[in-house]
Structures are given as structure tokens and as C-alpha cells.
Amino acid sequence: MEEQMYAVPFSLVGFFFTSKPIEQSIRSDLTPEEMEKLQEILARFLFTEDIKIALYPSVVPPDQAEEALEELEDMMFGEGEEE
């Protein structure tokens, strides 16, 4: 019997602080090998054994950060639900 695999979305939200322009703060030379290593490290520390992850790094422009956080909150806690 063949084992079924499932792709389950997850997210990590972080902030970085800088006095430099955003464009000068983010590395543009990340190699595929470095990305693979980062994925391996996160998978090892966040998940149980034999879980593979795929990352898509992106930065939300500061003028869109509040909207992005609200969207994340809606995804996590359900849009329109009251406490």
C-alpha cells in the first residue's frame, strides 16, 4: 500500500529591525543550498521526524504590514468570529 503525502500550509511571521533601506537589508544572493539548509533546520526544530518543508521568503512592505497581519489573524482565528 502506497503512503499518501499531504501538503499542509503553515506560516512563520517575523519582524526585522533596521535603519537601512529595506532593499539594502535583505540578501539577494541566497543560494539554493543555503535555502535547503534553512528548510532542514526549521523542519528539524519545528516538526516531528520525517517532515519536509518548503519555504517562500517574502517581505511585506511597511505600508502593507498592518493589512498583512490582519489577514494572518483572520486565517488563524477565523474571519468575523467574535470572542
PDB file of N, CA and C in Angstrom:
ATOM      1  N   MET A   1       0.844  -1.180   0.000  1.00  0.00           N
ATOM      2  CA  MET A   1       0.000   0.000   0.000  1.00  0.00           C
ATOM      3  C   MET A   1       0.890   1.245   0.000  1.00  0.00           C
ATOM      4  N   GLU A   2       0.620   2.158  -0.906  1.00  0.00           N
ATOM      5  CA  GLU A   2       1.440   3.362  -1.043  1.00  0.00           C
ATOM      6  C   GLU A   2       1.066   4.403   0.014  1.00  0.00           C
ATOM      7  N   GLU A   3       2.079   4.971   0.628  1.00  0.00           N
ATOM      8  CA  GLU A   3       1.860   6.003   1.646  1.00  0.00           C
ATOM      9  C   GLU A   3       1.459   7.310   0.965  1.00  0.00           C
ATOM     10  N   GLN A   4       0.405   7.956   1.483  1.00  0.00           N
ATOM     11  CA  GLN A   4      -0.040   9.230   0.933  1.00  0.00           C
ATOM     12  C   GLN A   4       0.672  10.374   1.625  1.00  0.00           C
ATOM     13  N   MET A   5       1.017  11.384   0.839  1.00  0.00           N
ATOM     14  CA  MET A   5       1.652  12.584   1.373  1.00  0.00           C
ATOM     15  C   MET A   5       0.672  13.741   1.242  1.00  0.00           C
ATOM     16  N   TYR A   6       0.685  14.650   2.185  1.00  0.00           N
ATOM     17  CA  TYR A   6      -0.182  15.812   2.178  1.00  0.00           C
ATOM     18  C   TYR A   6       0.666  17.067   2.283  1.00  0.00           C
ATOM     19  N   ALA A   7       0.280  18.103   1.569  1.00  0.00           N
ATOM     20  CA  ALA A   7       0.910  19.413   1.694  1.00  0.00           C
ATOM     21  C   ALA A   7       0.007  20.249   2.597  1.00  0.00           C
ATOM     22  N   VAL A   8       0.540  20.685   3.721  1.00  0.00           N
ATOM     23  CA  VAL A   8      -0.224  21.453   4.694  1.00  0.00           C
ATOM     24  C   VAL A   8       0.432  22.823   4.840  1.00  0.00           C
ATOM     25  N   PRO A   9      -0.291  23.900   4.526  1.00  0.00           N
ATOM     26  CA  PRO A   9       0.333  25.222   4.642  1.00  0.00           C
ATOM     27  C   PRO A   9       0.592  25.594   6.100  1.00  0.00           C
ATOM     28  N   PHE A  10       1.684  26.284   6.334  1.00  0.00           N
ATOM     29  CA  PHE A  10       1.985  26.841   7.647  1.00  0.00           C
ATOM     30  C   PHE A  10       2.689  28.164   7.414  1.00  0.00           C
ATOM     31  N   SER A  11       2.772  28.963   8.446  1.00  0.00           N
ATOM     32  CA  SER A  11       3.473  30.239   8.267  1.00  0.00           C
ATOM     33  C   SER A  11       4.254  30.584   9.520  1.00  0.00           C
ATOM     34  N   LEU A  12       5.303  31.309   9.312  1.00  0.00           N
ATOM     35  CA  LEU A  12       6.082  31.904  10.380  1.00  0.00           C
ATOM     36  C   LEU A  12       6.046  33.402  10.132  1.00  0.00           C
ATOM     37  N   VAL A  13       5.796  34.156  11.156  1.00  0.00           N
ATOM     38  CA  VAL A  13       5.772  35.602  10.999  1.00  0.00           C
ATOM     39  C   VAL A  13       6.889  36.169  11.849  1.00  0.00           C
ATOM     40  N   GLY A  14       7.655  37.027  11.265  1.00  0.00           N
ATOM     41  CA  GLY A  14       8.749  37.644  11.996  1.00  0.00           C
ATOM     42  C   GLY A  14       8.888  39.091  11.598  1.00  0.00           C
ATOM     43  N   PHE A  15       9.688  39.782  12.328  1.00  0.00           N
ATOM     44  CA  PHE A  15       9.987  41.176  12.038  1.00  0.00           C
ATOM     45  C   PHE A  15      11.493  41.337  12.032  1.00  0.00           C
ATOM     46  N   PHE A  16      11.990  42.229  11.227  1.00  0.00           N
ATOM     47  CA  PHE A  16      13.385  42.609  11.360  1.00  0.00           C
ATOM     48  C   PHE A  16      13.427  44.121  11.498  1.00  0.00           C
ATOM     49  N   PHE A  17      14.393  44.580  12.228  1.00  0.00           N
ATOM     50  CA  PHE A  17      14.531  45.995  12.539  1.00  0.00           C
ATOM     51  C   PHE A  17      15.801  46.510  11.881  1.00  0.00           C
ATOM     52  N   THR A  18      15.698  47.639  11.213  1.00  0.00           N
ATOM     53  CA  THR A  18      16.849  48.184  10.513  1.00  0.00           C
ATOM     54  C   THR A  18      16.715  49.689  10.364  1.00  0.00           C
ATOM     55  N   SER A  19      17.834  50.351  10.272  1.00  0.00           N
ATOM     56  CA  SER A  19      17.827  51.780   9.951  1.00  0.00           C
ATOM     57  C   SER A  19      18.197  51.992   8.487  1.00  0.00           C
ATOM     58  N   LYS A  20      18.533  50.879   7.806  1.00  0.00           N
ATOM     59  CA  LYS A  20      18.883  50.942   6.385  1.00  0.00           C
ATOM     60  C   LYS A  20      17.612  50.815   5.547  1.00  0.00           C
ATOM     61  N   PRO A  21      17.657  51.241   4.281  1.00  0.00           N
ATOM     62  CA  PRO A  21      16.525  50.972   3.388  1.00  0.00           C
ATOM     63  C   PRO A  21      16.282  49.469   3.293  1.00  0.00           C
ATOM     64  N   ILE A  22      15.036  49.080   3.167  1.00  0.00           N
ATOM     65  CA  ILE A  22      14.685  47.659   3.140  1.00  0.00           C
ATOM     66  C   ILE A  22      15.457  46.921   2.058  1.00  0.00           C
ATOM     67  N   GLU A  23      15.584  47.536   0.889  1.00  0.00           N
ATOM     68  CA  GLU A  23      16.274  46.886  -0.223  1.00  0.00           C
ATOM     69  C   GLU A  23      17.724  46.546   0.109  1.00  0.00           C
ATOM     70  N   GLN A  24      18.325  47.315   1.020  1.00  0.00           N
ATOM     71  CA  GLN A  24      19.719  47.067   1.418  1.00  0.00           C
ATOM     72  C   GLN A  24      19.817  46.124   2.618  1.00  0.00           C
ATOM     73  N   SER A  25      18.684  45.702   3.141  1.00  0.00           N
ATOM     74  CA  SER A  25      18.669  44.874   4.344  1.00  0.00           C
ATOM     75  C   SER A  25      18.508  43.386   4.052  1.00  0.00           C
ATOM     76  N   ILE A  26      18.072  43.073   2.852  1.00  0.00           N
ATOM     77  CA  ILE A  26      17.757  41.692   2.512  1.00  0.00           C
ATOM     78  C   ILE A  26      18.795  41.146   1.538  1.00  0.00           C
ATOM     79  N   ARG A  27      19.313  39.979   1.848  1.00  0.00           N
ATOM     80  CA  ARG A  27      20.281  39.344   0.953  1.00  0.00           C
ATOM     81  C   ARG A  27      19.618  38.944  -0.343  1.00  0.00           C
ATOM     82  N   SER A  28      20.264  39.228  -1.437  1.00  0.00           N
ATOM     83  CA  SER A  28      19.741  38.817  -2.742  1.00  0.00           C
ATOM     84  C   SER A  28      20.560  37.668  -3.320  1.00  0.00           C
ATOM     85  N   ASP A  29      21.548  37.215  -2.567  1.00  0.00           N
ATOM     86  CA  ASP A  29      22.443  36.163  -3.065  1.00  0.00           C
ATOM     87  C   ASP A  29      22.264  34.822  -2.351  1.00  0.00           C
ATOM     88  N   LEU A  30      21.083  34.588  -1.786  1.00  0.00           N
ATOM     89  CA  LEU A  30      20.807  33.324  -1.105  1.00  0.00           C
ATOM     90  C   LEU A  30      20.855  32.194  -2.128  1.00  0.00           C
ATOM     91  N   THR A  31      21.684  31.223  -1.876  1.00  0.00           N
ATOM     92  CA  THR A  31      21.843  30.115  -2.829  1.00  0.00           C
ATOM     93  C   THR A  31      20.795  29.029  -2.560  1.00  0.00           C
ATOM     94  N   PRO A  32      20.534  28.188  -3.549  1.00  0.00           N
ATOM     95  CA  PRO A  32      19.624  27.063  -3.325  1.00  0.00           C
ATOM     96  C   PRO A  32      20.105  26.156  -2.190  1.00  0.00           C
ATOM     97  N   GLU A  33      21.403  26.006  -2.065  1.00  0.00           N
ATOM     98  CA  GLU A  33      21.954  25.169  -0.978  1.00  0.00           C
ATOM     99  C   GLU A  33      21.676  25.789   0.390  1.00  0.00           C
ATOM    100  N   GLU A  34      21.815  27.110   0.492  1.00  0.00           N
ATOM    101  CA  GLU A  34      21.524  27.788   1.762  1.00  0.00           C
ATOM    102  C   GLU A  34      20.040  27.687   2.100  1.00  0.00           C
ATOM    103  N   MET A  35      19.177  27.844   1.098  1.00  0.00           N
ATOM    104  CA  MET A  35      17.737  27.715   1.321  1.00  0.00           C
ATOM    105  C   MET A  35      17.391  26.305   1.775  1.00  0.00           C
ATOM    106  N   GLU A  36      18.005  25.308   1.161  1.00  0.00           N
ATOM    107  CA  GLU A  36      17.765  23.922   1.559  1.00  0.00           C
ATOM    108  C   GLU A  36      18.195  23.694   3.008  1.00  0.00           C
ATOM    109  N   LYS A  37      19.340  24.241   3.378  1.00  0.00           N
ATOM    110  CA  LYS A  37      19.831  24.095   4.752  1.00  0.00           C
ATOM    111  C   LYS A  37      18.878  24.769   5.741  1.00  0.00           C
ATOM    112  N   LEU A  38      18.393  25.950   5.396  1.00  0.00           N
ATOM    113  CA  LEU A  38      17.435  26.661   6.248  1.00  0.00           C
ATOM    114  C   LEU A  38      16.156  25.835   6.426  1.00  0.00           C
ATOM    115  N   GLN A  39      15.670  25.259   5.340  1.00  0.00           N
ATOM    116  CA  GLN A  39      14.480  24.413   5.420  1.00  0.00           C
ATOM    117  C   GLN A  39      14.727  23.207   6.322  1.00  0.00           C
ATOM    118  N   GLU A  40      15.886  22.593   6.193  1.00  0.00           N
ATOM    119  CA  GLU A  40      16.225  21.431   7.025  1.00  0.00           C
ATOM    120  C   GLU A  40      16.270  21.814   8.501  1.00  0.00           C
ATOM    121  N   ILE A  41      16.871  22.956   8.809  1.00  0.00           N
ATOM    122  CA  ILE A  41      16.980  23.409  10.205  1.00  0.00           C
ATOM    123  C   ILE A  41      15.598  23.674  10.791  1.00  0.00           C
ATOM    124  N   LEU A  42      14.771  24.420  10.060  1.00  0.00           N
ATOM    125  CA  LEU A  42      13.424  24.715  10.562  1.00  0.00           C
ATOM    126  C   LEU A  42      12.603  23.444  10.720  1.00  0.00           C
ATOM    127  N   ALA A  43      12.684  22.542   9.756  1.00  0.00           N
ATOM    128  CA  ALA A  43      11.933  21.287   9.853  1.00  0.00           C
ATOM    129  C   ALA A  43      12.365  20.504  11.085  1.00  0.00           C
ATOM    130  N   ARG A  44      13.658  20.459  11.340  1.00  0.00           N
ATOM    131  CA  ARG A  44      14.176  19.695  12.476  1.00  0.00           C
ATOM    132  C   ARG A  44      13.707  20.276  13.812  1.00  0.00           C
ATOM    133  N   PHE A  45      13.648  21.601  13.912  1.00  0.00           N
ATOM    134  CA  PHE A  45      13.288  22.231  15.180  1.00  0.00           C
ATOM    135  C   PHE A  45      11.784  22.434  15.368  1.00  0.00           C
ATOM    136  N   LEU A  46      11.019  22.498  14.299  1.00  0.00           N
ATOM    137  CA  LEU A  46       9.589  22.786  14.424  1.00  0.00           C
ATOM    138  C   LEU A  46       8.686  21.562  14.325  1.00  0.00           C
ATOM    139  N   PHE A  47       9.133  20.529  13.643  1.00  0.00           N
ATOM    140  CA  PHE A  47       8.247  19.416  13.337  1.00  0.00           C
ATOM    141  C   PHE A  47       8.841  18.096  13.816  1.00  0.00           C
ATOM    142  N   THR A  48       8.006  17.073  13.765  1.00  0.00           N
ATOM    143  CA  THR A  48       8.477  15.747  14.130  1.00  0.00           C
ATOM    144  C   THR A  48       9.327  15.188  12.992  1.00  0.00           C
ATOM    145  N   GLU A  49       9.906  14.036  13.254  1.00  0.00           N
ATOM    146  CA  GLU A  49      10.820  13.404  12.302  1.00  0.00           C
ATOM    147  C   GLU A  49      10.151  13.121  10.956  1.00  0.00           C
ATOM    148  N   ASP A  50      10.924  13.181   9.891  1.00  0.00           N
ATOM    149  CA  ASP A  50      10.499  12.849   8.532  1.00  0.00           C
ATOM    150  C   ASP A  50       9.480  13.822   7.932  1.00  0.00           C
ATOM    151  N   ILE A  51       9.482  15.063   8.399  1.00  0.00           N
ATOM    152  CA  ILE A  51       8.628  16.101   7.809  1.00  0.00           C
ATOM    153  C   ILE A  51       9.524  17.006   6.978  1.00  0.00           C
ATOM    154  N   LYS A  52       9.157  17.207   5.733  1.00  0.00           N
ATOM    155  CA  LYS A  52       9.891  18.104   4.846  1.00  0.00           C
ATOM    156  C   LYS A  52       9.097  19.391   4.713  1.00  0.00           C
ATOM    157  N   ILE A  53       9.791  20.522   4.600  1.00  0.00           N
ATOM    158  CA  ILE A  53       9.097  21.791   4.414  1.00  0.00           C
ATOM    159  C   ILE A  53       9.681  22.526   3.212  1.00  0.00           C
ATOM    160  N   ALA A  54       8.887  23.418   2.670  1.00  0.00           N
ATOM    161  CA  ALA A  54       9.315  24.291   1.579  1.00  0.00           C
ATOM    162  C   ALA A  54       9.044  25.722   2.028  1.00  0.00           C
ATOM    163  N   LEU A  55      10.011  26.589   1.813  1.00  0.00           N
ATOM    164  CA  LEU A  55       9.880  27.987   2.222  1.00  0.00           C
ATOM    165  C   LEU A  55       9.793  28.895   1.009  1.00  0.00           C
ATOM    166  N   TYR A  56       9.047  29.963   1.186  1.00  0.00           N
ATOM    167  CA  TYR A  56       8.997  31.028   0.194  1.00  0.00           C
ATOM    168  C   TYR A  56       9.200  32.331   0.953  1.00  0.00           C
ATOM    169  N   PRO A  57      10.433  32.800   1.033  1.00  0.00           N
ATOM    170  CA  PRO A  57      10.670  34.022   1.802  1.00  0.00           C
ATOM    171  C   PRO A  57      10.122  35.242   1.058  1.00  0.00           C
ATOM    172  N   SER A  58       9.446  36.095   1.789  1.00  0.00           N
ATOM    173  CA  SER A  58       8.964  37.338   1.201  1.00  0.00           C
ATOM    174  C   SER A  58       8.895  38.390   2.294  1.00  0.00           C
ATOM    175  N   VAL A  59       8.929  39.614   1.877  1.00  0.00           N
ATOM    176  CA  VAL A  59       8.869  40.735   2.815  1.00  0.00           C
ATOM    177  C   VAL A  59       7.641  41.565   2.471  1.00  0.00           C
ATOM    178  N   VAL A  60       6.871  41.892   3.485  1.00  0.00           N
ATOM    179  CA  VAL A  60       5.702  42.743   3.307  1.00  0.00           C
ATOM    180  C   VAL A  60       6.166  44.186   3.438  1.00  0.00           C
ATOM    181  N   PRO A  61       5.880  45.021   2.447  1.00  0.00           N
ATOM    182  CA  PRO A  61       6.264  46.434   2.564  1.00  0.00           C
ATOM    183  C   PRO A  61       5.635  47.059   3.814  1.00  0.00           C
ATOM    184  N   PRO A  62       6.366  47.943   4.483  1.00  0.00           N
ATOM    185  CA  PRO A  62       5.864  48.517   5.736  1.00  0.00           C
ATOM    186  C   PRO A  62       4.467  49.120   5.625  1.00  0.00           C
ATOM    187  N   ASP A  63       4.137  49.727   4.496  1.00  0.00           N
ATOM    188  CA  ASP A  63       2.812  50.343   4.375  1.00  0.00           C
ATOM    189  C   ASP A  63       1.696  49.310   4.224  1.00  0.00           C
ATOM    190  N   GLN A  64       2.056  48.027   4.050  1.00  0.00           N
ATOM    191  CA  GLN A  64       1.057  46.958   3.944  1.00  0.00           C
ATOM    192  C   GLN A  64       1.103  46.004   5.133  1.00  0.00           C
ATOM    193  N   ALA A  65       1.967  46.276   6.094  1.00  0.00           N
ATOM    194  CA  ALA A  65       2.173  45.346   7.205  1.00  0.00           C
ATOM    195  C   ALA A  65       0.914  45.164   8.047  1.00  0.00           C
ATOM    196  N   GLU A  66       0.216  46.237   8.362  1.00  0.00           N
ATOM    197  CA  GLU A  66      -0.976  46.117   9.205  1.00  0.00           C
ATOM    198  C   GLU A  66      -2.028  45.246   8.517  1.00  0.00           C
ATOM    199  N   GLU A  67      -2.239  45.479   7.232  1.00  0.00           N
ATOM    200  CA  GLU A  67      -3.209  44.674   6.481  1.00  0.00           C
ATOM    201  C   GLU A  67      -2.787  43.202   6.453  1.00  0.00           C
ATOM    202  N   ALA A  68      -1.497  42.951   6.252  1.00  0.00           N
ATOM    203  CA  ALA A  68      -1.000  41.573   6.214  1.00  0.00           C
ATOM    204  C   ALA A  68      -1.201  40.877   7.554  1.00  0.00           C
ATOM    205  N   LEU A  69      -0.952  41.584   8.649  1.00  0.00           N
ATOM    206  CA  LEU A  69      -1.158  40.996   9.975  1.00  0.00           C
ATOM    207  C   LEU A  69      -2.633  40.711  10.228  1.00  0.00           C
ATOM    208  N   GLU A  70      -3.509  41.602   9.779  1.00  0.00           N
ATOM    209  CA  GLU A  70      -4.949  41.373   9.935  1.00  0.00           C
ATOM    210  C   GLU A  70      -5.391  40.150   9.140  1.00  0.00           C
ATOM    211  N   GLU A  71      -4.855  39.991   7.924  1.00  0.00           N
ATOM    212  CA  GLU A  71      -5.186  38.816   7.117  1.00  0.00           C
ATOM    213  C   GLU A  71      -4.700  37.534   7.802  1.00  0.00           C
ATOM    214  N   LEU A  72      -3.506  37.589   8.350  1.00  0.00           N
ATOM    215  CA  LEU A  72      -2.974  36.427   9.065  1.00  0.00           C
ATOM    216  C   LEU A  72      -3.852  36.103  10.272  1.00  0.00           C
ATOM    217  N   GLU A  73      -4.253  37.122  11.006  1.00  0.00           N
ATOM    218  CA  GLU A  73      -5.126  36.920  12.162  1.00  0.00           C
ATOM    219  C   GLU A  73      -6.441  36.271  11.729  1.00  0.00           C
ATOM    220  N   ASP A  74      -7.026  36.746  10.623  1.00  0.00           N
ATOM    221  CA  ASP A  74      -8.264  36.158  10.121  1.00  0.00           C
ATOM    222  C   ASP A  74      -8.067  34.693   9.749  1.00  0.00           C
ATOM    223  N   MET A  75      -6.931  34.378   9.119  1.00  0.00           N
ATOM    224  CA  MET A  75      -6.664  32.992   8.745  1.00  0.00           C
ATOM    225  C   MET A  75      -6.529  32.112   9.978  1.00  0.00           C
ATOM    226  N   MET A  76      -5.885  32.638  11.017  1.00  0.00           N
ATOM    227  CA  MET A  76      -5.623  31.841  12.203  1.00  0.00           C
ATOM    228  C   MET A  76      -6.854  31.683  13.093  1.00  0.00           C
ATOM    229  N   PHE A  77      -7.617  32.748  13.234  1.00  0.00           N
ATOM    230  CA  PHE A  77      -8.698  32.752  14.215  1.00  0.00           C
ATOM    231  C   PHE A  77     -10.087  32.814  13.595  1.00  0.00           C
ATOM    232  N   GLY A  78     -10.186  32.839  12.287  1.00  0.00           N
ATOM    233  CA  GLY A  78     -11.490  32.851  11.639  1.00  0.00           C
ATOM    234  C   GLY A  78     -12.000  34.259  11.440  1.00  0.00           C
ATOM    235  N   GLU A  79     -12.267  34.591  10.196  1.00  0.00           N
ATOM    236  CA  GLU A  79     -12.751  35.930   9.862  1.00  0.00           C
ATOM    237  C   GLU A  79     -14.146  36.137  10.421  1.00  0.00           C
ATOM    238  N   GLY A  80     -14.342  37.269  11.084  1.00  0.00           N
ATOM    239  CA  GLY A  80     -15.666  37.663  11.550  1.00  0.00           C
ATOM    240  C   GLY A  80     -16.130  36.980  12.827  1.00  0.00           C
ATOM    241  N   GLU A  81     -15.348  36.090  13.382  1.00  0.00           N
ATOM    242  CA  GLU A  81     -15.751  35.445  14.628  1.00  0.00           C
ATOM    243  C   GLU A  81     -15.507  36.374  15.794  1.00  0.00           C
ATOM    244  N   GLU A  82     -16.445  36.349  16.731  1.00  0.00           N
ATOM    245  CA  GLU A  82     -16.282  37.190  17.918  1.00  0.00           C
ATOM    246  C   GLU A  82     -15.803  36.335  19.074  1.00  0.00           C
ATOM    247  N   GLU A  83     -15.084  36.970  19.979  1.00  0.00           N
ATOM    248  CA  GLU A  83     -14.558  36.223  21.136  1.00  0.00           C
ATOM    249  C   GLU A  83     -15.591  36.114  22.221  1.00  0.00           C
TER     250      GLU A  83
END
